[in-house]
């Protein structure tokens, strides 16, 4: 039995440690619980061959992904079409209808009603507020699904999407099936703290950010 080759690369930059775990193997669909995308209740997607990777950036704390945003700006300046979506950050005049455009090629979209504007106790005690935040995040995800399937972007970054899954706003299986049927030659980057095992198995590269 041929052993899987795994490379572990440790990078130390100033006070931060970054551990990258990459693997060339393909995960087994038989081991995962997938949504049946051929169901009449769901969109019947067409499969495309993609060259891009699924990259996951994991950290033990929130707000540690500034390097990813810097890289997205660099890629946009080099002519790549980049979509950066932040699910938990946003505010006034944000949302799908008000994207920020930078470097000519970077579209930066944030939630219309930000989760970060309030503390968790305030959200849980106010049903109207909680519903409004969940609706804003879900609308943002529906927008992302179309972008992942459109083939119009060279790189897509879904910042803190795993927190939205943890809060039961975005369905994990919906994310899996969308990633499986994406049409993008470049990379899809996902960030978060607690990463579902099924998503870890899908990743071509996992980067753990350490303080």
Protein backbone atom coordinates (compact mmCIF):
# COMPACT_ATOMS: atom_id res chain seq x y z
CA UNK A 1 0.00 0.00 0.00
CA UNK A 2 1.46 3.26 -1.09
CA UNK A 3 1.72 5.78 1.70
CA UNK A 4 0.28 9.23 1.26
CA UNK A 5 2.97 11.86 1.02
CA UNK A 6 2.39 14.80 3.33
CA UNK A 7 4.60 17.81 3.54
CA UNK A 8 4.67 19.97 6.65
CA UNK A 9 6.30 23.33 6.21
CA UNK A 10 6.94 25.61 9.15
CA UNK A 11 7.29 29.30 8.47
CA UNK A 12 8.35 31.74 11.18
CA UNK A 13 7.74 35.40 10.41
CA UNK A 14 8.56 37.85 13.19
CA UNK A 15 6.42 36.76 16.18
CA UNK A 16 3.94 34.65 14.23
CA UNK A 17 4.23 30.97 13.36
CA UNK A 18 2.42 29.58 10.32
CA UNK A 19 2.07 25.86 9.79
CA UNK A 20 1.05 24.71 6.32
CA UNK A 21 -0.12 21.17 5.81
CA UNK A 22 -0.59 20.22 2.16
CA UNK A 23 -1.61 16.97 0.57
CA UNK A 24 -1.88 15.86 -3.04
CA UNK A 25 -4.41 13.12 -2.39
CA UNK A 26 -8.08 13.32 -3.29
CA UNK A 27 -10.59 12.81 -0.51
CA UNK A 28 -13.12 10.00 -0.81
CA UNK A 29 -16.68 11.07 -1.45
CA UNK A 30 -17.84 7.77 0.02
CA UNK A 31 -16.67 8.96 3.44
CA UNK A 32 -18.71 12.15 3.37
CA UNK A 33 -22.39 12.86 3.68
CA UNK A 34 -23.17 14.87 0.54
CA UNK A 35 -26.30 16.70 -0.49
CA UNK A 36 -27.92 15.11 -3.52
CA UNK A 37 -27.58 17.98 -5.98
CA UNK A 38 -29.60 16.07 -8.58
CA UNK A 39 -32.66 16.36 -6.36
CA UNK A 40 -35.55 18.20 -8.06
CA UNK A 41 -35.62 20.64 -5.14
CA UNK A 42 -32.04 21.74 -5.83
CA UNK A 43 -30.30 23.36 -8.77
CA UNK A 44 -28.99 20.78 -11.21
CA UNK A 45 -25.41 21.99 -11.54
CA UNK A 46 -23.01 21.12 -14.31
CA UNK A 47 -19.58 19.85 -13.31
CA UNK A 48 -16.47 21.64 -14.52
CA UNK A 49 -12.80 20.75 -14.41
CA UNK A 50 -11.03 23.25 -12.19
CA UNK A 51 -7.34 23.82 -11.61
CA UNK A 52 -7.65 25.88 -8.46
CA UNK A 53 -7.25 24.60 -4.92
CA UNK A 54 -9.38 24.75 -1.80
CA UNK A 55 -7.28 26.41 0.90
CA UNK A 56 -8.27 26.60 4.56
CA UNK A 57 -6.76 29.07 7.01
CA UNK A 58 -7.40 28.14 10.62
CA UNK A 59 -6.65 30.11 13.77
CA UNK A 60 -7.49 29.75 17.45
CA UNK A 61 -8.82 33.30 17.57
CA UNK A 62 -10.76 35.66 15.32
CA UNK A 63 -9.27 38.64 13.52
CA UNK A 64 -6.03 36.94 12.53
CA UNK A 65 -6.46 36.88 8.75
CA UNK A 66 -5.02 40.27 7.77
CA UNK A 67 -2.31 38.54 5.72
CA UNK A 68 -4.98 36.99 3.50
CA UNK A 69 -6.50 40.40 2.80
CA UNK A 70 -3.04 41.74 1.96
CA UNK A 71 -2.50 38.87 -0.48
CA UNK A 72 -5.86 39.52 -2.11
CA UNK A 73 -4.89 43.13 -2.75
CA UNK A 74 -1.58 42.00 -4.23
CA UNK A 75 -3.33 39.53 -6.54
CA UNK A 76 -5.79 42.19 -7.68
CA UNK A 77 -2.93 44.58 -8.43
CA UNK A 78 -1.35 41.85 -10.57
CA UNK A 79 -4.51 41.65 -12.68
CA UNK A 80 -6.40 38.76 -11.09
CA UNK A 81 -10.11 39.18 -10.46
CA UNK A 82 -10.62 38.67 -6.71
CA UNK A 83 -13.79 38.43 -4.62
CA UNK A 84 -13.35 38.94 -0.86
CA UNK A 85 -16.44 38.22 1.25
CA UNK A 86 -16.59 38.84 5.01
CA UNK A 87 -19.60 37.16 6.57
CA UNK A 88 -19.34 38.50 10.13
CA UNK A 89 -18.17 42.04 9.50
CA UNK A 90 -20.16 44.87 7.96
CA UNK A 91 -22.35 47.82 8.82
CA UNK A 92 -24.03 50.88 7.35
CA UNK A 93 -24.01 51.05 3.53
CA UNK A 94 -22.53 47.57 3.33
CA UNK A 95 -24.06 44.44 1.85
CA UNK A 96 -24.27 42.95 -1.64
CA UNK A 97 -25.55 46.19 -3.18
CA UNK A 98 -22.61 48.22 -1.90
CA UNK A 99 -19.35 46.39 -2.62
CA UNK A 100 -16.01 48.15 -2.16
CA UNK A 101 -13.80 48.01 -5.24
CA UNK A 102 -10.01 48.22 -4.85
CA UNK A 103 -7.07 47.97 -7.26
CA UNK A 104 -9.51 47.72 -10.16
CA UNK A 105 -9.97 43.97 -9.72
CA UNK A 106 -10.87 43.38 -6.07
CA UNK A 107 -14.52 43.32 -5.03
CA UNK A 108 -14.90 43.45 -1.23
CA UNK A 109 -18.34 42.57 0.13
CA UNK A 110 -19.42 42.62 3.77
CA UNK A 111 -22.62 41.73 5.57
CA UNK A 112 -25.40 44.32 5.53
CA UNK A 113 -26.21 43.70 9.19
CA UNK A 114 -23.00 42.85 11.00
CA UNK A 115 -22.70 40.17 13.65
CA UNK A 116 -19.70 42.05 15.09
CA UNK A 117 -21.75 45.14 15.89
CA UNK A 118 -23.34 43.41 18.88
CA UNK A 119 -22.34 41.05 21.68
CA UNK A 120 -23.68 37.49 21.72
CA UNK A 121 -25.99 38.07 24.70
CA UNK A 122 -27.62 41.05 22.99
CA UNK A 123 -28.22 39.01 19.84
CA UNK A 124 -29.69 36.02 21.67
CA UNK A 125 -32.03 38.18 23.74
CA UNK A 126 -33.38 40.08 20.72
CA UNK A 127 -35.18 37.78 18.29
CA UNK A 128 -35.75 40.50 15.69
CA UNK A 129 -32.08 41.50 15.72
CA UNK A 130 -30.96 37.86 15.53
CA UNK A 131 -33.25 37.17 12.57
CA UNK A 132 -32.02 40.30 10.75
CA UNK A 133 -28.36 39.31 11.17
CA UNK A 134 -29.01 35.74 10.06
CA UNK A 135 -30.93 36.98 7.01
CA UNK A 136 -28.05 39.30 6.00
CA UNK A 137 -25.47 36.51 6.28
CA UNK A 138 -27.67 34.04 4.41
CA UNK A 139 -28.23 36.53 1.57
CA UNK A 140 -24.47 36.99 1.37
CA UNK A 141 -24.01 33.23 1.08
CA UNK A 142 -26.57 32.99 -1.73
CA UNK A 143 -24.57 35.68 -3.55
CA UNK A 144 -21.35 33.69 -2.98
CA UNK A 145 -22.91 30.52 -4.38
CA UNK A 146 -23.66 32.28 -7.66
CA UNK A 147 -20.14 33.70 -7.80
CA UNK A 148 -18.55 30.29 -7.16
CA UNK A 149 -20.54 28.82 -10.04
CA UNK A 150 -20.20 31.77 -12.44
CA UNK A 151 -16.56 31.31 -13.48
CA UNK A 152 -16.03 35.08 -13.42
CA UNK A 153 -13.45 35.19 -10.60
CA UNK A 154 -9.81 34.13 -10.38
CA UNK A 155 -9.85 33.92 -6.58
CA UNK A 156 -12.64 33.84 -3.99
CA UNK A 157 -12.10 34.35 -0.25
CA UNK A 158 -14.87 33.37 2.18
CA UNK A 159 -13.79 34.95 5.45
CA UNK A 160 -15.18 33.38 8.67
CA UNK A 161 -17.64 31.20 6.80
CA UNK A 162 -17.06 28.44 9.35
CA UNK A 163 -18.43 30.65 12.13
CA UNK A 164 -21.62 31.07 10.09
CA UNK A 165 -21.80 27.27 9.82
CA UNK A 166 -21.22 26.90 13.56
CA UNK A 167 -24.11 29.31 14.18
CA UNK A 168 -26.36 27.22 11.87
CA UNK A 169 -26.86 30.12 9.45
CA UNK A 170 -25.12 28.42 6.52
CA UNK A 171 -25.60 24.71 5.92
CA UNK A 172 -22.36 22.72 5.85
CA UNK A 173 -23.61 20.32 3.16
CA UNK A 174 -24.69 23.26 1.00
CA UNK A 175 -21.14 24.63 1.18
CA UNK A 176 -19.68 21.21 0.32
CA UNK A 177 -21.89 20.68 -2.72
CA UNK A 178 -21.23 24.22 -3.97
CA UNK A 179 -17.46 23.79 -3.65
CA UNK A 180 -17.70 20.44 -5.44
CA UNK A 181 -19.41 22.09 -8.41
CA UNK A 182 -17.55 25.39 -8.44
CA UNK A 183 -16.32 26.86 -11.72
CA UNK A 184 -13.15 28.80 -10.90
CA UNK A 185 -9.64 28.22 -12.21
CA UNK A 186 -8.08 29.92 -9.19
CA UNK A 187 -8.15 29.18 -5.49
CA UNK A 188 -11.03 29.28 -3.04
CA UNK A 189 -9.88 30.36 0.42
CA UNK A 190 -11.94 29.69 3.54
CA UNK A 191 -11.11 30.96 7.03
CA UNK A 192 -12.33 30.24 10.54
CA UNK A 193 -11.58 28.86 13.97
CA UNK A 194 -13.55 25.60 14.32
CA UNK A 195 -13.35 23.76 10.98
CA UNK A 196 -15.78 20.88 10.24
CA UNK A 197 -13.94 17.61 9.57
CA UNK A 198 -15.63 17.14 6.18
CA UNK A 199 -14.22 20.47 5.00
CA UNK A 200 -10.74 19.61 6.25
CA UNK A 201 -10.86 16.45 4.14
CA UNK A 202 -11.73 18.51 1.06
CA UNK A 203 -8.85 20.95 1.43
CA UNK A 204 -5.78 20.86 -0.79
CA UNK A 205 -3.94 23.01 1.70
CA UNK A 206 -4.49 23.76 5.40
CA UNK A 207 -2.66 26.64 7.04
CA UNK A 208 -2.72 27.00 10.81
CA UNK A 209 -1.97 30.51 12.05
CA UNK A 210 -0.37 30.60 15.49
CA UNK A 211 0.32 33.59 17.73
